[in-house]
Protein backbone atom coordinates (compact mmCIF):
# COMPACT_ATOMS: atom_id res chain seq x y z
CA SER A 1 92.75 142.36 95.76
CA ASP A 2 91.11 138.96 96.01
CA ASP A 3 87.71 140.24 94.73
CA GLY A 4 85.88 138.45 97.56
CA HIS A 5 87.52 135.13 96.78
CA GLY A 6 89.77 135.02 99.85
CA PRO A 7 88.50 131.68 101.21
CA GLU A 8 88.75 129.98 97.82
CA LEU A 9 92.25 131.35 97.25
CA ARG A 10 93.42 130.34 100.73
CA ALA A 11 92.00 126.85 100.13
CA LEU A 12 94.42 126.46 97.21
CA GLY A 13 97.24 126.38 99.78
CA VAL A 14 100.67 125.64 98.33
CA LEU A 15 99.23 125.77 94.81
CA ARG A 16 98.94 129.56 95.06
CA ASP A 17 102.23 130.09 96.92
CA ARG A 18 104.61 131.36 94.24
CA THR A 19 107.60 130.95 96.58
CA VAL A 20 107.24 127.14 96.59
CA SER A 21 109.45 125.62 93.92
CA LEU A 22 111.14 122.33 94.81
CA PRO A 23 114.15 120.69 93.12
CA ARG A 24 113.65 117.94 90.51
CA PRO A 25 110.72 119.54 88.68
CA GLN A 26 110.42 116.75 86.08
CA PRO A 27 107.27 114.66 86.59
CA ALA A 28 107.68 110.92 85.95
CA PRO A 29 105.90 109.62 82.85
CA GLY A 30 102.42 108.28 83.56
CA THR A 31 98.79 109.18 84.16
CA TYR A 32 97.94 112.09 86.46
CA ARG A 33 94.91 113.99 87.68
CA CYS A 34 94.91 117.66 86.75
CA ARG A 35 92.61 120.59 87.30
CA VAL A 36 92.56 124.13 85.99
CA ILE A 37 92.14 127.17 88.20
CA LYS A 38 91.44 130.42 86.34
CA LEU A 39 92.38 133.61 88.18
CA GLY A 40 91.46 137.15 87.19
CA SER A 41 89.26 138.20 84.30
CA GLN A 42 90.09 139.80 80.97
CA GLY A 43 86.60 141.28 80.67
CA GLU A 44 84.23 143.36 82.75
CA SER A 45 81.70 140.55 83.12
CA GLY A 46 84.02 137.54 83.43
CA LEU A 47 84.47 135.51 86.60
CA SER A 48 87.63 136.33 88.55
CA PHE A 49 87.98 132.84 90.09
CA VAL A 50 87.00 129.48 88.63
CA ALA A 51 88.28 126.11 89.92
CA TYR A 52 87.37 123.22 87.67
CA PRO A 53 87.15 119.60 88.85
CA PHE A 54 89.98 117.15 88.22
CA PHE A 55 90.40 115.68 84.75
CA ARG A 56 92.84 113.12 83.37
CA CYS A 57 96.20 114.06 81.97
CA ARG A 58 99.40 112.32 80.92
CA VAL A 59 103.11 112.92 81.00
CA ASP A 60 105.12 110.97 78.45
CA LEU A 61 108.77 110.65 77.52
CA THR A 62 109.20 110.35 73.75
CA PRO A 63 111.83 108.06 72.21
CA GLY A 64 113.75 111.26 71.36
CA GLY A 65 113.85 112.27 75.03
CA ASP A 66 111.16 114.97 75.02
CA LEU A 67 108.95 115.28 78.10
CA THR A 68 105.38 115.90 76.95
CA PHE A 69 102.14 116.83 78.72
CA ARG A 70 98.54 116.34 77.62
CA LYS A 71 95.27 117.09 79.40
CA THR A 72 93.26 114.26 77.86
CA THR A 73 89.70 114.94 79.05
CA GLY A 74 87.42 117.96 79.33
CA SER A 75 86.18 120.41 76.70
CA GLN A 76 89.35 122.55 76.87
CA ARG A 77 92.54 120.53 76.59
CA THR A 78 96.21 121.38 76.29
CA SER A 79 99.21 119.51 74.99
CA GLY A 80 102.85 120.43 74.65
CA ASN A 81 106.43 119.89 75.70
CA PHE A 82 108.43 120.67 78.82
CA TYR A 83 111.95 122.06 78.41
CA PRO A 84 114.72 122.36 81.02
CA ASP A 85 115.15 125.86 82.47
CA THR A 86 116.57 125.83 86.01
CA ALA A 87 117.04 123.24 88.76
CA ARG A 88 113.56 124.16 90.03
CA ARG A 89 111.45 124.70 86.93
CA LEU A 90 110.68 123.64 83.39
CA VAL A 91 109.31 125.82 80.59
CA TYR A 92 106.12 124.65 78.85
CA LEU A 93 105.29 125.35 75.21
CA GLY A 94 101.89 123.99 74.24
CA ALA A 95 98.60 124.71 72.55
CA GLN A 96 94.90 124.40 73.37
CA ASP A 97 92.34 122.33 71.55
CA TRP A 98 88.61 122.47 72.18
CA GLY A 99 85.60 120.20 71.82
CA SER A 100 86.17 117.36 69.36
CA GLU A 101 89.37 118.81 67.87
CA GLY A 102 92.56 116.82 68.02
CA PRO A 103 95.75 118.06 69.68
CA LYS A 104 97.29 121.28 68.39
CA ARG A 105 101.00 122.08 68.30
CA TYR A 106 102.68 125.21 69.62
CA GLY A 107 103.18 127.60 66.73
CA ASP A 108 100.32 126.29 64.56
CA ASP A 109 97.85 128.99 65.67
CA HIS A 110 98.95 132.00 67.72
CA ASP A 111 95.51 132.19 69.39
CA ARG A 112 95.96 128.66 70.79
CA ASP A 113 99.62 128.90 71.88
CA GLN A 114 100.47 128.58 75.56
CA ILE A 115 103.71 129.42 77.35
CA GLY A 116 104.18 128.58 81.01
CA VAL A 117 106.36 127.35 83.83
CA LEU A 118 106.14 123.98 85.61
CA GLU A 119 107.29 123.68 89.21
CA ARG A 120 107.15 120.81 91.70
CA ILE A 121 105.22 121.91 94.79
CA GLY A 122 105.11 118.62 96.72
CA PRO A 123 105.59 114.87 96.41
CA ASN A 124 104.10 113.95 93.01
CA ARG A 125 102.40 117.36 92.87
CA TYR A 126 103.13 120.05 90.28
CA ARG A 127 101.92 123.50 89.28
CA LEU A 128 101.85 124.61 85.65
CA ALA A 129 101.40 128.40 85.56
CA LEU A 130 100.15 129.84 82.27
CA PRO A 131 100.14 133.65 82.50
CA PHE A 132 97.99 135.80 80.24
CA PRO A 133 96.12 133.09 78.34
CA ARG A 134 94.43 134.23 75.14
CA GLN A 135 90.93 134.23 76.66
CA GLU A 136 88.97 134.47 79.91
CA SER A 137 91.48 134.73 82.76
CA VAL A 138 94.70 136.55 83.58
CA LEU A 139 96.45 133.45 84.97
CA ASP A 140 95.66 129.77 84.54
CA LEU A 141 97.10 127.34 87.08
CA ILE A 142 97.04 123.65 86.24
CA GLU A 143 97.49 121.45 89.28
CA ILE A 144 99.01 118.10 88.30
CA VAL A 145 98.83 115.31 90.90
CA LYS A 146 99.87 111.63 90.76
């Protein structure tokens, strides 16, 4: 059920269409806009749909060849690495940091770890799906746009 959030969900368009997964999922290094959409609620009183405004994020290629992602603004940030999986998706291993904390690394604190899948859903547009985050929602979608 959409819990009365049908119009908001439909407005997400291709972002919510799990069948859209285009080839060449690797985003080019650079600055992007990204926003978090939280779907479902882990508690009785939590909101089942929250779409945050766009924040800044970056994709970088390290000298060792790792593709990294960092949401650089906002009170809840994430940073981690993308790893090859299939021709249409990358796996993300990252961790959250909050407030004035610095970046965390996957594996440092189980409660902050994030595992997800990155797919390209349009020209310079990507969807990072983070199922079953440790708090609040059931699925976090991060829209990443050049």
